[in-house]
Amino acid sequence: MPHCLHGSKWKRQNAMNEQQRKIIPKLVYLHNPWKYLVTKFNMWRLKWLWDYGFCETEFVEGSKQAAIVMTDIIRQQGAEQLSELTTPVGFQQITRDMLLSRNDTRLQLVRFEKEHIRRAIPMKVATRKNFGRKYAFIDMLFVGLRNTKDFDSPAELAEINDLLRRMDIELKTPHEIISVPHRIVFAEIFIRFRRDYTAEWRRKQDSSLKQNDAHSLEQTESSSSAEDLLMGRILSRLNDPGWSVSFYKILTFDVLNFDPKPNRRF
C-alpha cells in the first residue's frame, strides 16, 4: 500500500511538472472583421471557380506544418532543402535572408512544433493570370508561443538556456526580468503560398475543345502544334505539384517574461 501511494504521488508530481514547463500566457488575437469576411469570400471563390477539391481546413493544417519545417530549415541554414518547397523567387528571397540572419541568436530560439502554433490566420487570397499562366496565392500569419522550459532533451534545454544567457548579455536584460518563473518565445511568421493551376486550366480547355466541331479542332491543332510542343517542354519544368512558398518572414520576435502568480502587494 505505501508503494502504491508513493507511485501515485510521483505520477501527480510528474504531471504537475509537465504542465508547469508547458505553461504559456493566454493569447487573444483580434482580426479585422471586414478583412476576415473578404478572405472567407475569396477562399470560397478559389474552391468553386478554380479548385473544387480545395479544402480550407486541410490547407490551414498543412500550412502549420509547412511553417514549422521552413523555420527549422532556415534556423539550421539548410539551403539545399529549400528548393523543393519554394518557388524560384521565394528561394532567392529566403536564402538571402538566411545569410543575413546566420549569426542571429533570436532565430535559434524559434523552435516550434505544431502544438506551439497558437494561431494560423489566412490574411489574403488572390488569383492571378500572368503570360498565359494561372496562379493562386494565400497569405498566412502564424502566431507561435513556446515556454523555454518546454524541451524534452536535456541537451536542447541546455542549448536554449545558453542562447537566452547570450541574448540577455547582448541586450543587457535587467536581473528582475531574468528571474521570472517562465520565459516565453513569441514569434509572428508570415508566409505567402503559391500554387500553379496552369496544368488544370489547360486540361479544362482541352476537354472543352474536344466538344467543338471536328474541322475547327483540326485547324486549331495544325496551327498551334509547334507552339504546344514548346509550351509542353516549358510546363514540364515550371508546373508545381502543389502549394509552394513564395515568401517567408519572421515579422515579430520577443521573449516574454511571464509570471502566472505575481507577487501581490497588500
C-alpha atoms as a PDB file:
ATOM      1  CA  MET A   1       0.000   0.000   0.000  1.00  0.00           C
ATOM      2  CA  PRO A   2       2.726   2.570   0.815  1.00  0.00           C
ATOM      3  CA  HIS A   3       4.383   1.689  -2.502  1.00  0.00           C
ATOM      4  CA  CYS A   4       1.083   2.400  -4.310  1.00  0.00           C
ATOM      5  CA  LEU A   5       0.721   5.766  -2.612  1.00  0.00           C
ATOM      6  CA  HIS A   6       4.309   6.663  -3.458  1.00  0.00           C
ATOM      7  CA  GLY A   7       3.750   5.751  -7.130  1.00  0.00           C
ATOM      8  CA  SER A   8       0.563   7.804  -7.299  1.00  0.00           C
ATOM      9  CA  LYS A   9       2.268  10.798  -5.708  1.00  0.00           C
ATOM     10  CA  TRP A  10       5.158  10.529  -8.167  1.00  0.00           C
ATOM     11  CA  LYS A  11       2.727  10.464 -11.115  1.00  0.00           C
ATOM     12  CA  ARG A  12       0.886  13.545  -9.845  1.00  0.00           C
ATOM     13  CA  GLN A  13       4.174  15.379  -9.338  1.00  0.00           C
ATOM     14  CA  ASN A  14       5.372  14.370 -12.796  1.00  0.00           C
ATOM     15  CA  ALA A  15       2.102  15.561 -14.380  1.00  0.00           C
ATOM     16  CA  MET A  16       2.384  18.857 -12.487  1.00  0.00           C
ATOM     17  CA  ASN A  17       5.961  19.365 -13.683  1.00  0.00           C
ATOM     18  CA  GLU A  18       4.891  18.582 -17.253  1.00  0.00           C
ATOM     19  CA  GLN A  19       2.100  21.163 -17.019  1.00  0.00           C
ATOM     20  CA  GLN A  20       4.400  23.774 -15.482  1.00  0.00           C
ATOM     21  CA  ARG A  21       7.011  23.540 -18.223  1.00  0.00           C
ATOM     22  CA  LYS A  22       4.368  23.970 -20.930  1.00  0.00           C
ATOM     23  CA  ILE A  23       2.619  26.922 -19.316  1.00  0.00           C
ATOM     24  CA  ILE A  24       2.106  29.979 -21.534  1.00  0.00           C
ATOM     25  CA  PRO A  25       0.032  33.169 -21.212  1.00  0.00           C
ATOM     26  CA  LYS A  26      -3.411  33.273 -22.812  1.00  0.00           C
ATOM     27  CA  LEU A  27      -3.379  34.645 -26.333  1.00  0.00           C
ATOM     28  CA  VAL A  28      -6.101  36.984 -27.575  1.00  0.00           C
ATOM     29  CA  TYR A  29      -5.762  37.863 -31.252  1.00  0.00           C
ATOM     30  CA  LEU A  30      -8.251  40.317 -32.767  1.00  0.00           C
ATOM     31  CA  HIS A  31      -8.797  40.040 -36.508  1.00  0.00           C
ATOM     32  CA  ASN A  32     -10.327  42.811 -38.626  1.00  0.00           C
ATOM     33  CA  PRO A  33     -13.909  41.555 -39.255  1.00  0.00           C
ATOM     34  CA  TRP A  34     -14.164  43.083 -42.737  1.00  0.00           C
ATOM     35  CA  LYS A  35     -10.839  41.587 -43.782  1.00  0.00           C
ATOM     36  CA  TYR A  36     -11.934  38.251 -42.350  1.00  0.00           C
ATOM     37  CA  LEU A  37     -15.124  38.259 -44.447  1.00  0.00           C
ATOM     38  CA  VAL A  38     -13.268  39.252 -47.629  1.00  0.00           C
ATOM     39  CA  THR A  39     -10.737  36.466 -47.096  1.00  0.00           C
ATOM     40  CA  LYS A  40     -13.510  33.932 -46.469  1.00  0.00           C
ATOM     41  CA  PHE A  41     -15.277  35.021 -49.667  1.00  0.00           C
ATOM     42  CA  ASN A  42     -12.064  34.690 -51.700  1.00  0.00           C
ATOM     43  CA  MET A  43     -11.456  31.228 -50.212  1.00  0.00           C
ATOM     44  CA  TRP A  44     -14.951  30.316 -51.450  1.00  0.00           C
ATOM     45  CA  ARG A  45     -14.164  31.682 -54.931  1.00  0.00           C
ATOM     46  CA  LEU A  46     -10.929  29.690 -55.073  1.00  0.00           C
ATOM     47  CA  LYS A  47     -12.795  26.491 -54.280  1.00  0.00           C
ATOM     48  CA  TRP A  48     -15.819  26.922 -56.533  1.00  0.00           C
ATOM     49  CA  LEU A  49     -14.244  28.707 -59.513  1.00  0.00           C
ATOM     50  CA  TRP A  50     -10.690  27.320 -59.554  1.00  0.00           C
ATOM     51  CA  ASP A  51     -10.248  24.172 -57.479  1.00  0.00           C
ATOM     52  CA  TYR A  52     -13.291  22.200 -56.329  1.00  0.00           C
ATOM     53  CA  GLY A  53     -11.024  19.841 -54.367  1.00  0.00           C
ATOM     54  CA  PHE A  54      -9.611  22.684 -52.252  1.00  0.00           C
ATOM     55  CA  CYS A  55     -10.372  22.422 -48.512  1.00  0.00           C
ATOM     56  CA  GLU A  56      -9.598  25.445 -46.334  1.00  0.00           C
ATOM     57  CA  THR A  57      -9.321  23.418 -43.111  1.00  0.00           C
ATOM     58  CA  GLU A  58      -6.863  20.953 -44.654  1.00  0.00           C
ATOM     59  CA  PHE A  59      -4.859  23.781 -46.183  1.00  0.00           C
ATOM     60  CA  VAL A  60      -4.562  25.643 -42.865  1.00  0.00           C
ATOM     61  CA  GLU A  61      -3.473  22.470 -41.033  1.00  0.00           C
ATOM     62  CA  GLY A  62      -0.923  21.688 -43.737  1.00  0.00           C
ATOM     63  CA  SER A  63       0.350  25.263 -43.713  1.00  0.00           C
ATOM     64  CA  LYS A  64       1.155  24.953 -39.981  1.00  0.00           C
ATOM     65  CA  GLN A  65       3.430  22.008 -40.717  1.00  0.00           C
ATOM     66  CA  ALA A  66       4.976  23.930 -43.607  1.00  0.00           C
ATOM     67  CA  ALA A  67       5.702  26.878 -41.280  1.00  0.00           C
ATOM     68  CA  ILE A  68       7.443  24.559 -38.801  1.00  0.00           C
ATOM     69  CA  VAL A  69       9.517  22.830 -41.485  1.00  0.00           C
ATOM     70  CA  MET A  70      10.505  26.121 -43.143  1.00  0.00           C
ATOM     71  CA  THR A  71      11.516  27.688 -39.821  1.00  0.00           C
ATOM     72  CA  ASP A  72      13.641  24.660 -38.915  1.00  0.00           C
ATOM     73  CA  ILE A  73      15.377  24.669 -42.311  1.00  0.00           C
ATOM     74  CA  ILE A  74      16.142  28.395 -42.056  1.00  0.00           C
ATOM     75  CA  ARG A  75      17.381  28.075 -38.472  1.00  0.00           C
ATOM     76  CA  GLN A  76      19.661  25.201 -39.477  1.00  0.00           C
ATOM     77  CA  GLN A  77      20.793  27.054 -42.642  1.00  0.00           C
ATOM     78  CA  GLY A  78      19.738  24.129 -44.860  1.00  0.00           C
ATOM     79  CA  ALA A  79      19.592  25.907 -48.212  1.00  0.00           C
ATOM     80  CA  GLU A  80      19.776  22.652 -50.194  1.00  0.00           C
ATOM     81  CA  GLN A  81      16.341  21.602 -48.867  1.00  0.00           C
ATOM     82  CA  LEU A  82      14.610  24.872 -49.733  1.00  0.00           C
ATOM     83  CA  SER A  83      14.372  24.355 -53.489  1.00  0.00           C
ATOM     84  CA  GLU A  84      11.871  21.501 -53.027  1.00  0.00           C
ATOM     85  CA  LEU A  85       9.499  23.692 -51.000  1.00  0.00           C
ATOM     86  CA  THR A  86       9.785  27.132 -52.590  1.00  0.00           C
ATOM     87  CA  THR A  87       9.225  28.963 -55.853  1.00  0.00           C
ATOM     88  CA  PRO A  88      12.336  30.329 -57.615  1.00  0.00           C
ATOM     89  CA  VAL A  89      11.564  33.839 -56.330  1.00  0.00           C
ATOM     90  CA  GLY A  90      10.915  32.519 -52.838  1.00  0.00           C
ATOM     91  CA  PHE A  91      14.174  30.572 -52.885  1.00  0.00           C
ATOM     92  CA  GLN A  92      16.162  33.721 -53.710  1.00  0.00           C
ATOM     93  CA  GLN A  93      14.440  35.810 -51.028  1.00  0.00           C
ATOM     94  CA  ILE A  94      14.763  33.201 -48.276  1.00  0.00           C
ATOM     95  CA  THR A  95      18.394  32.251 -48.977  1.00  0.00           C
ATOM     96  CA  ARG A  96      19.329  35.948 -48.989  1.00  0.00           C
ATOM     97  CA  ASP A  97      17.644  36.462 -45.618  1.00  0.00           C
ATOM     98  CA  MET A  98      19.290  33.283 -44.311  1.00  0.00           C
ATOM     99  CA  LEU A  99      22.724  34.733 -44.945  1.00  0.00           C
ATOM    100  CA  LEU A 100      21.805  37.945 -43.141  1.00  0.00           C
ATOM    101  CA  SER A 101      20.433  36.091 -40.089  1.00  0.00           C
ATOM    102  CA  ARG A 102      23.162  33.451 -39.836  1.00  0.00           C
ATOM    103  CA  ASN A 103      24.506  34.769 -36.530  1.00  0.00           C
ATOM    104  CA  ASP A 104      21.196  35.976 -35.096  1.00  0.00           C
ATOM    105  CA  THR A 105      20.714  34.449 -31.631  1.00  0.00           C
ATOM    106  CA  ARG A 106      16.983  35.131 -31.733  1.00  0.00           C
ATOM    107  CA  LEU A 107      16.419  32.877 -34.745  1.00  0.00           C
ATOM    108  CA  GLN A 108      17.961  29.954 -32.861  1.00  0.00           C
ATOM    109  CA  LEU A 109      15.252  30.310 -30.208  1.00  0.00           C
ATOM    110  CA  VAL A 110      12.387  29.893 -32.682  1.00  0.00           C
ATOM    111  CA  ARG A 111      11.783  26.156 -32.325  1.00  0.00           C
ATOM    112  CA  PHE A 112       8.110  25.477 -32.754  1.00  0.00           C
ATOM    113  CA  GLU A 113       6.186  22.246 -33.049  1.00  0.00           C
ATOM    114  CA  LYS A 114       2.569  22.031 -34.163  1.00  0.00           C
ATOM    115  CA  GLU A 115       1.194  22.478 -30.634  1.00  0.00           C
ATOM    116  CA  HIS A 116       3.097  25.768 -30.311  1.00  0.00           C
ATOM    117  CA  ILE A 117       1.406  27.364 -33.341  1.00  0.00           C
ATOM    118  CA  ARG A 118      -1.438  29.045 -31.430  1.00  0.00           C
ATOM    119  CA  ARG A 119      -2.971  30.855 -34.391  1.00  0.00           C
ATOM    120  CA  ALA A 120      -2.882  30.202 -38.141  1.00  0.00           C
ATOM    121  CA  ILE A 121      -4.770  33.016 -39.862  1.00  0.00           C
ATOM    122  CA  PRO A 122      -5.468  33.338 -43.614  1.00  0.00           C
ATOM    123  CA  MET A 123      -4.808  37.016 -44.334  1.00  0.00           C
ATOM    124  CA  LYS A 124      -5.347  37.274 -48.088  1.00  0.00           C
ATOM    125  CA  VAL A 125      -6.366  35.101 -51.037  1.00  0.00           C
ATOM    126  CA  ALA A 126      -5.610  36.187 -54.591  1.00  0.00           C
ATOM    127  CA  THR A 127      -5.666  34.702 -58.100  1.00  0.00           C
ATOM    128  CA  ARG A 128      -3.526  35.945 -60.972  1.00  0.00           C
ATOM    129  CA  LYS A 129      -3.159  35.316 -64.679  1.00  0.00           C
ATOM    130  CA  ASN A 130       0.324  36.152 -65.982  1.00  0.00           C
ATOM    131  CA  PHE A 131       1.608  35.413 -69.506  1.00  0.00           C
ATOM    132  CA  GLY A 132      -0.877  32.616 -70.051  1.00  0.00           C
ATOM    133  CA  ARG A 133      -0.343  31.019 -66.647  1.00  0.00           C
ATOM    134  CA  LYS A 134      -2.754  30.863 -63.692  1.00  0.00           C
ATOM    135  CA  TYR A 135      -1.603  31.250 -60.090  1.00  0.00           C
ATOM    136  CA  ALA A 136      -3.317  31.297 -56.699  1.00  0.00           C
ATOM    137  CA  PHE A 137      -1.738  32.943 -53.650  1.00  0.00           C
ATOM    138  CA  ILE A 138      -2.671  32.586 -49.983  1.00  0.00           C
ATOM    139  CA  ASP A 139      -1.027  34.762 -47.326  1.00  0.00           C
ATOM    140  CA  MET A 140      -0.867  33.151 -43.879  1.00  0.00           C
ATOM    141  CA  LEU A 141       0.063  34.621 -40.500  1.00  0.00           C
ATOM    142  CA  PHE A 142       1.228  32.223 -37.790  1.00  0.00           C
ATOM    143  CA  VAL A 143       1.485  33.140 -34.110  1.00  0.00           C
ATOM    144  CA  GLY A 144       3.779  30.870 -32.102  1.00  0.00           C
ATOM    145  CA  LEU A 145       4.364  30.653 -28.343  1.00  0.00           C
ATOM    146  CA  ARG A 146       6.697  28.236 -26.561  1.00  0.00           C
ATOM    147  CA  ASN A 147       7.891  28.070 -22.970  1.00  0.00           C
ATOM    148  CA  THR A 148      11.693  27.911 -22.873  1.00  0.00           C
ATOM    149  CA  LYS A 149      11.390  25.074 -20.323  1.00  0.00           C
ATOM    150  CA  ASP A 150       9.316  23.015 -22.746  1.00  0.00           C
ATOM    151  CA  PHE A 151      12.043  20.763 -24.171  1.00  0.00           C
ATOM    152  CA  ASP A 152      12.355  17.019 -23.589  1.00  0.00           C
ATOM    153  CA  SER A 153      16.046  16.713 -24.393  1.00  0.00           C
ATOM    154  CA  PRO A 154      18.432  17.899 -21.622  1.00  0.00           C
ATOM    155  CA  ALA A 155      20.957  18.834 -24.319  1.00  0.00           C
ATOM    156  CA  GLU A 156      18.450  21.020 -26.165  1.00  0.00           C
ATOM    157  CA  LEU A 157      17.270  22.582 -22.902  1.00  0.00           C
ATOM    158  CA  ALA A 158      20.879  23.446 -22.013  1.00  0.00           C
ATOM    159  CA  GLU A 159      21.346  24.939 -25.503  1.00  0.00           C
ATOM    160  CA  ILE A 160      18.219  27.096 -25.114  1.00  0.00           C
ATOM    161  CA  ASN A 161      19.373  28.362 -21.713  1.00  0.00           C
ATOM    162  CA  ASP A 162      22.768  29.214 -23.177  1.00  0.00           C
ATOM    163  CA  LEU A 163      21.110  31.123 -26.032  1.00  0.00           C
ATOM    164  CA  LEU A 164      18.987  33.043 -23.519  1.00  0.00           C
ATOM    165  CA  ARG A 165      22.057  33.970 -21.490  1.00  0.00           C
ATOM    166  CA  ARG A 166      23.824  35.230 -24.616  1.00  0.00           C
ATOM    167  CA  MET A 167      20.787  37.247 -25.665  1.00  0.00           C
ATOM    168  CA  ASP A 168      20.411  38.733 -22.165  1.00  0.00           C
ATOM    169  CA  ILE A 169      24.063  39.794 -22.194  1.00  0.00           C
ATOM    170  CA  GLU A 170      23.686  41.390 -25.633  1.00  0.00           C
ATOM    171  CA  LEU A 171      20.500  43.237 -24.618  1.00  0.00           C
ATOM    172  CA  LYS A 172      21.632  43.930 -21.035  1.00  0.00           C
ATOM    173  CA  THR A 173      18.412  42.451 -19.669  1.00  0.00           C
ATOM    174  CA  PRO A 174      17.772  43.503 -16.016  1.00  0.00           C
ATOM    175  CA  HIS A 175      18.081  40.780 -13.376  1.00  0.00           C
ATOM    176  CA  GLU A 176      14.485  41.184 -12.148  1.00  0.00           C
ATOM    177  CA  ILE A 177      13.251  40.240 -15.621  1.00  0.00           C
ATOM    178  CA  ILE A 178      15.553  37.229 -15.946  1.00  0.00           C
ATOM    179  CA  SER A 179      14.395  35.864 -12.584  1.00  0.00           C
ATOM    180  CA  VAL A 180      10.732  35.402 -13.583  1.00  0.00           C
ATOM    181  CA  PRO A 181       9.447  31.786 -13.461  1.00  0.00           C
ATOM    182  CA  HIS A 182       8.684  31.470 -17.176  1.00  0.00           C
ATOM    183  CA  ARG A 183      10.209  32.935 -20.303  1.00  0.00           C
ATOM    184  CA  ILE A 184       8.119  32.527 -23.424  1.00  0.00           C
ATOM    185  CA  VAL A 185       9.387  32.685 -27.011  1.00  0.00           C
ATOM    186  CA  PHE A 186       6.875  34.647 -29.107  1.00  0.00           C
ATOM    187  CA  ALA A 187       7.002  34.967 -32.891  1.00  0.00           C
ATOM    188  CA  GLU A 188       4.740  36.078 -35.730  1.00  0.00           C
ATOM    189  CA  ILE A 189       5.599  34.375 -39.010  1.00  0.00           C
ATOM    190  CA  PHE A 190       4.275  35.469 -42.397  1.00  0.00           C
ATOM    191  CA  ILE A 191       4.268  33.028 -45.331  1.00  0.00           C
ATOM    192  CA  ARG A 192       2.906  33.504 -48.837  1.00  0.00           C
ATOM    193  CA  PHE A 193       1.925  30.233 -50.508  1.00  0.00           C
ATOM    194  CA  ARG A 194       1.596  29.924 -54.276  1.00  0.00           C
ATOM    195  CA  ARG A 195       0.086  27.250 -56.473  1.00  0.00           C
ATOM    196  CA  ASP A 196       0.375  26.998 -60.242  1.00  0.00           C
ATOM    197  CA  TYR A 197      -3.010  25.998 -61.668  1.00  0.00           C
ATOM    198  CA  THR A 198      -1.935  26.214 -65.320  1.00  0.00           C
ATOM    199  CA  ALA A 199      -1.969  22.448 -65.901  1.00  0.00           C
ATOM    200  CA  GLU A 200      -5.528  22.077 -64.534  1.00  0.00           C
ATOM    201  CA  TRP A 201      -6.637  25.090 -66.559  1.00  0.00           C
ATOM    202  CA  ARG A 202      -5.169  23.645 -69.756  1.00  0.00           C
ATOM    203  CA  ARG A 203      -6.835  20.277 -69.127  1.00  0.00           C
ATOM    204  CA  LYS A 204     -10.183  22.037 -68.805  1.00  0.00           C
ATOM    205  CA  GLN A 205      -9.529  23.903 -72.044  1.00  0.00           C
ATOM    206  CA  ASP A 206      -8.587  20.684 -73.809  1.00  0.00           C
ATOM    207  CA  SER A 207     -11.768  18.940 -72.656  1.00  0.00           C
ATOM    208  CA  SER A 208     -13.900  21.846 -73.887  1.00  0.00           C
ATOM    209  CA  LEU A 209     -12.101  21.894 -77.241  1.00  0.00           C
ATOM    210  CA  LYS A 210     -12.973  18.232 -77.796  1.00  0.00           C
ATOM    211  CA  GLN A 211     -16.644  19.176 -77.810  1.00  0.00           C
ATOM    212  CA  ASN A 212     -16.174  21.643 -80.680  1.00  0.00           C
ATOM    213  CA  ASP A 213     -16.593  20.900 -84.356  1.00  0.00           C
ATOM    214  CA  ALA A 214     -14.017  18.361 -85.617  1.00  0.00           C
ATOM    215  CA  HIS A 215     -12.985  20.565 -88.538  1.00  0.00           C
ATOM    216  CA  SER A 216     -12.394  23.532 -86.230  1.00  0.00           C
ATOM    217  CA  LEU A 217     -10.352  21.316 -83.893  1.00  0.00           C
ATOM    218  CA  GLU A 218      -8.152  20.091 -86.740  1.00  0.00           C
ATOM    219  CA  GLN A 219      -7.422  23.676 -87.776  1.00  0.00           C
ATOM    220  CA  THR A 220      -6.524  24.646 -84.219  1.00  0.00           C
ATOM    221  CA  GLU A 221      -4.192  21.665 -83.774  1.00  0.00           C
ATOM    222  CA  SER A 222      -2.379  22.232 -87.084  1.00  0.00           C
ATOM    223  CA  SER A 223      -1.808  25.940 -86.424  1.00  0.00           C
ATOM    224  CA  SER A 224      -0.534  25.547 -82.880  1.00  0.00           C
ATOM    225  CA  SER A 225       1.228  22.150 -82.813  1.00  0.00           C
ATOM    226  CA  ALA A 226       4.727  23.660 -82.777  1.00  0.00           C
ATOM    227  CA  GLU A 227       3.719  26.176 -80.083  1.00  0.00           C
ATOM    228  CA  ASP A 228       2.099  23.441 -77.949  1.00  0.00           C
ATOM    229  CA  LEU A 229       5.227  21.279 -78.201  1.00  0.00           C
ATOM    230  CA  LEU A 230       7.406  24.122 -76.969  1.00  0.00           C
ATOM    231  CA  MET A 231       4.903  25.048 -74.230  1.00  0.00           C
ATOM    232  CA  GLY A 232       4.765  21.408 -73.109  1.00  0.00           C
ATOM    233  CA  ARG A 233       8.509  21.394 -72.559  1.00  0.00           C
ATOM    234  CA  ILE A 234       8.283  24.588 -70.522  1.00  0.00           C
ATOM    235  CA  LEU A 235       5.349  23.327 -68.447  1.00  0.00           C
ATOM    236  CA  SER A 236       7.194  20.144 -67.531  1.00  0.00           C
ATOM    237  CA  ARG A 237       9.806  22.328 -65.810  1.00  0.00           C
ATOM    238  CA  LEU A 238       7.572  25.038 -64.346  1.00  0.00           C
ATOM    239  CA  ASN A 239       4.435  23.280 -63.085  1.00  0.00           C
ATOM    240  CA  ASP A 240       4.327  22.837 -59.307  1.00  0.00           C
ATOM    241  CA  PRO A 241       2.906  19.604 -57.859  1.00  0.00           C
ATOM    242  CA  GLY A 242       1.120  21.648 -55.157  1.00  0.00           C
ATOM    243  CA  TRP A 243       1.499  24.650 -52.934  1.00  0.00           C
ATOM    244  CA  SER A 244       4.965  26.218 -52.660  1.00  0.00           C
ATOM    245  CA  VAL A 245       6.370  29.009 -50.501  1.00  0.00           C
ATOM    246  CA  SER A 246       6.984  32.225 -52.418  1.00  0.00           C
ATOM    247  CA  PHE A 247       7.775  34.449 -49.403  1.00  0.00           C
ATOM    248  CA  TYR A 248       8.770  33.880 -45.757  1.00  0.00           C
ATOM    249  CA  LYS A 249       9.405  36.390 -42.992  1.00  0.00           C
ATOM    250  CA  ILE A 250       9.511  36.429 -39.201  1.00  0.00           C
ATOM    251  CA  LEU A 251       7.636  39.685 -38.617  1.00  0.00           C
ATOM    252  CA  THR A 252       7.889  39.836 -34.822  1.00  0.00           C
ATOM    253  CA  PHE A 253      10.101  38.138 -32.252  1.00  0.00           C
ATOM    254  CA  ASP A 254      10.214  38.570 -28.497  1.00  0.00           C
ATOM    255  CA  VAL A 255      10.925  36.695 -25.292  1.00  0.00           C
ATOM    256  CA  LEU A 256       8.021  37.342 -22.936  1.00  0.00           C
ATOM    257  CA  ASN A 257       8.645  37.240 -19.205  1.00  0.00           C
ATOM    258  CA  PHE A 258       5.661  35.512 -17.666  1.00  0.00           C
ATOM    259  CA  ASP A 259       4.783  35.054 -14.008  1.00  0.00           C
ATOM    260  CA  PRO A 260       1.388  33.316 -13.599  1.00  0.00           C
ATOM    261  CA  LYS A 261       1.332  34.183  -9.888  1.00  0.00           C
ATOM    262  CA  PRO A 262       2.909  37.633  -9.493  1.00  0.00           C
ATOM    263  CA  ASN A 263       3.617  38.924  -6.015  1.00  0.00           C
ATOM    264  CA  ARG A 264       0.663  40.800  -4.649  1.00  0.00           C
ATOM    265  CA  ARG A 265       1.058  43.974  -2.704  1.00  0.00           C
ATOM    266  CA  PHE A 266      -1.302  44.480   0.228  1.00  0.00           C
END
